[in-house]
Protein backbone atom coordinates (compact mmCIF):
# COMPACT_ATOMS: atom_id res chain seq x y z
CA MET A 1 0.00 0.00 0.00
CA LYS A 2 1.59 3.22 -1.12
CA ILE A 3 0.60 6.36 0.72
CA SER A 4 1.46 9.95 -0.06
CA TYR A 5 2.35 11.75 3.15
CA GLN A 6 1.76 15.22 1.71
CA THR A 7 -1.54 15.87 3.53
CA ILE A 8 -0.33 14.04 6.65
CA ASP A 9 2.61 16.47 6.78
CA VAL A 10 0.24 19.44 6.42
CA LEU A 11 -1.91 18.09 9.26
CA LYS A 12 1.11 17.54 11.50
CA GLN A 13 2.10 21.18 10.98
CA LYS A 14 -1.42 22.43 11.70
CA TYR A 15 -1.70 20.46 14.96
CA THR A 16 1.87 21.02 16.16
CA GLY A 17 2.24 23.34 19.10
CA THR A 18 -1.36 23.08 20.25
CA SER A 19 -1.96 19.32 20.46
CA GLN A 20 -0.61 15.87 19.63
CA PHE A 21 -1.27 14.56 16.12
CA TYR A 22 -0.98 10.83 15.41
CA PHE A 23 -0.62 8.89 12.19
CA SER A 24 0.77 5.38 12.10
CA LEU A 25 0.53 2.75 9.40
CA PHE A 26 0.86 -0.92 10.34
CA ARG A 27 1.20 -4.08 8.32
CA HIS A 28 -0.47 -6.86 10.27
CA THR A 29 2.11 -9.65 10.34
CA LYS A 30 0.37 -12.41 12.28
CA PRO A 31 -2.20 -14.68 10.66
CA MET A 32 -5.75 -13.56 11.27
CA ASP A 33 -8.77 -15.76 11.29
CA PHE A 34 -11.11 -13.38 9.50
CA ALA A 35 -14.10 -15.55 10.38
CA LEU A 36 -13.54 -14.48 14.00
CA HIS A 37 -13.73 -10.84 13.02
CA THR A 38 -17.23 -10.74 11.63
CA GLU A 39 -18.22 -8.70 14.65
CA LYS A 40 -16.57 -5.35 14.08
CA THR A 41 -16.04 -4.53 17.76
CA TYR A 42 -14.04 -7.74 18.13
CA LEU A 43 -11.83 -6.63 15.22
CA LEU A 44 -11.17 -3.27 16.88
CA LYS A 45 -10.27 -4.94 20.19
CA TYR A 46 -7.99 -7.34 18.34
CA LEU A 47 -6.13 -4.51 16.57
CA LEU A 48 -5.69 -2.44 19.74
CA SER A 49 -4.25 -5.44 21.57
CA SER A 50 -1.76 -6.20 18.78
CA GLU A 51 1.99 -6.02 19.27
CA GLU A 52 2.14 -3.25 16.70
CA PHE A 53 -0.21 -0.98 18.64
CA ILE A 54 1.32 -1.79 22.03
CA GLU A 55 4.81 -1.01 20.75
CA GLU A 56 3.88 2.26 19.03
CA TYR A 57 1.33 3.57 21.54
CA ALA A 58 2.54 2.48 24.98
CA ASP A 59 1.37 5.84 26.38
CA PHE A 60 -2.21 4.88 25.51
CA LEU A 61 -2.14 1.75 27.66
CA PRO A 62 -4.18 0.46 29.21
CA VAL A 63 -6.94 0.42 26.63
CA ASN A 64 -10.38 0.24 28.21
CA VAL A 65 -11.90 -2.54 26.09
CA ASP A 66 -15.38 -1.97 27.51
CA GLU A 67 -15.38 1.55 26.03
CA LEU A 68 -14.48 0.20 22.57
CA ASP A 69 -18.05 -1.04 22.25
CA GLN A 70 -18.97 2.65 21.94
CA ALA A 71 -16.86 3.07 18.78
CA THR A 72 -18.76 4.13 15.69
CA VAL A 73 -18.29 2.26 12.40
CA LEU A 74 -18.28 4.77 9.54
CA ASN A 75 -18.88 4.35 5.83
CA ARG A 76 -16.87 6.30 3.25
CA TYR A 77 -19.03 9.43 3.34
CA GLU A 78 -19.40 9.41 7.11
CA PHE A 79 -15.61 9.15 7.39
CA GLU A 80 -15.10 12.13 5.10
CA GLY A 81 -17.76 14.14 6.94
CA SER A 82 -16.26 13.22 10.30
CA LEU A 83 -12.81 14.36 9.14
CA ILE A 84 -14.30 17.66 7.99
CA ASP A 85 -15.95 18.07 11.40
CA MET A 86 -12.68 17.26 13.19
CA PHE A 87 -10.81 19.88 11.15
CA LEU A 88 -13.53 22.51 11.69
CA ARG A 89 -13.53 21.95 15.47
CA GLY A 90 -9.77 22.51 15.65
CA THR A 91 -7.98 22.17 18.95
CA CYS A 92 -8.90 23.63 22.32
CA THR A 93 -7.08 26.87 21.53
CA GLU A 94 -6.39 27.04 17.79
CA PRO A 95 -8.36 26.61 14.57
CA ILE A 96 -7.03 24.05 12.12
CA VAL A 97 -8.80 25.44 9.06
CA ALA A 98 -10.27 28.81 8.18
CA ASP A 99 -13.61 27.55 6.88
CA GLU A 100 -15.62 24.59 5.61
CA ILE A 101 -14.13 24.84 2.12
CA GLU A 102 -10.61 24.42 3.50
CA ALA A 103 -11.77 21.57 5.77
CA ARG A 104 -13.39 19.74 2.84
CA LYS A 105 -10.30 20.23 0.69
CA LEU A 106 -8.05 18.90 3.47
CA ALA A 107 -10.29 15.84 4.03
CA GLN A 108 -10.47 15.07 0.32
CA GLY A 109 -6.70 15.50 0.00
CA LEU A 110 -6.11 13.08 2.85
CA LEU A 111 -8.44 10.45 1.36
CA SER A 112 -6.80 10.88 -2.03
CA ASP A 113 -3.32 10.49 -0.52
CA LEU A 114 -4.33 7.21 1.11
CA ARG A 115 -5.05 5.78 -2.37
CA VAL A 116 -7.45 3.03 -1.39
CA GLU A 117 -11.08 2.46 -2.20
CA LEU A 118 -12.83 3.35 1.05
CA ASP A 119 -15.56 0.80 0.39
CA GLN A 120 -12.95 -1.86 1.23
CA TRP A 121 -12.11 -0.43 4.65
CA VAL A 122 -13.58 -0.79 8.10
CA VAL A 123 -13.37 2.63 9.75
CA PHE A 124 -13.83 3.00 13.51
CA LYS A 125 -14.23 6.39 15.14
CA LEU A 126 -13.19 6.53 18.78
CA GLY A 127 -14.92 9.68 19.94
CA ASN A 128 -15.36 8.57 23.54
CA LEU A 129 -12.55 9.94 25.73
CA GLY A 130 -12.62 6.85 27.95
CA TRP A 131 -11.14 4.37 25.47
CA SER A 132 -7.52 4.78 26.61
CA LYS A 133 -5.40 6.22 29.37
CA ALA A 134 -4.07 8.99 27.12
CA SER A 135 -7.47 9.98 25.77
CA MET A 136 -8.94 10.16 29.29
CA GLU A 137 -6.30 12.78 30.12
CA ALA A 138 -7.19 14.85 27.04
CA THR A 139 -9.58 17.77 26.97
CA LEU A 140 -10.41 17.10 23.31
CA SER A 141 -9.68 13.93 21.37
CA CYS A 142 -10.67 12.18 18.16
CA PHE A 143 -9.20 8.95 16.74
CA TYR A 144 -9.87 6.79 13.72
CA ILE A 145 -8.73 3.19 13.41
CA VAL A 146 -8.92 2.07 9.78
CA PHE A 147 -8.51 -1.57 8.72
CA TYR A 148 -7.92 -2.71 5.14
CA ALA A 149 -8.21 -6.51 5.15
CA THR A 150 -7.11 -7.28 1.59
CA ARG A 151 -3.75 -5.58 2.15
CA ARG A 152 -3.49 -6.70 5.80
CA CYS A 153 -2.87 -3.07 6.75
CA TRP A 154 -4.38 -0.71 9.25
CA PHE A 155 -3.68 2.77 10.41
CA ILE A 156 -4.41 5.19 13.21
CA LEU A 157 -5.22 8.83 12.58
CA GLY A 158 -6.14 11.26 15.30
CA PHE A 159 -5.26 13.95 17.77
CA ASP A 160 -5.63 14.82 21.39
CA ASP A 161 -5.31 18.12 23.14
CA ASN A 162 -4.56 18.54 26.81
CA TYR A 163 -5.60 22.08 27.65
């Protein structure tokens, strides 16, 4: 899976100084029994207990698995709309975009840079602050966990702001 980091770099710059911005891409290396992952919440719990996540996001541990049941599964348009909303909200102290046009352009640029048909993804939105230790300490937080089964890849995109 080839990703352009152009929009990711823009987002990192926009969030730097006011909050923490996260983007990590993982290739799932262990065999997965996809029949076990027909329930989407189970898939999310499986990914967040993986070695990849634990190694990269030790500050988020422990993950409150009971709160993961509150995650929202988004389709392609809901994901785009949710990104636009996240950009419009900004951080606790700073705007990320000037207006809805810039937010839409940034969201569409990000989705274009990811270069994957969104219909083939499972997108989880973790809007509940109680899902991890780090998010519970945040004043404002939004995370997406995106799984692409055919490429055995997944990524995390999000931010938190401790004001």
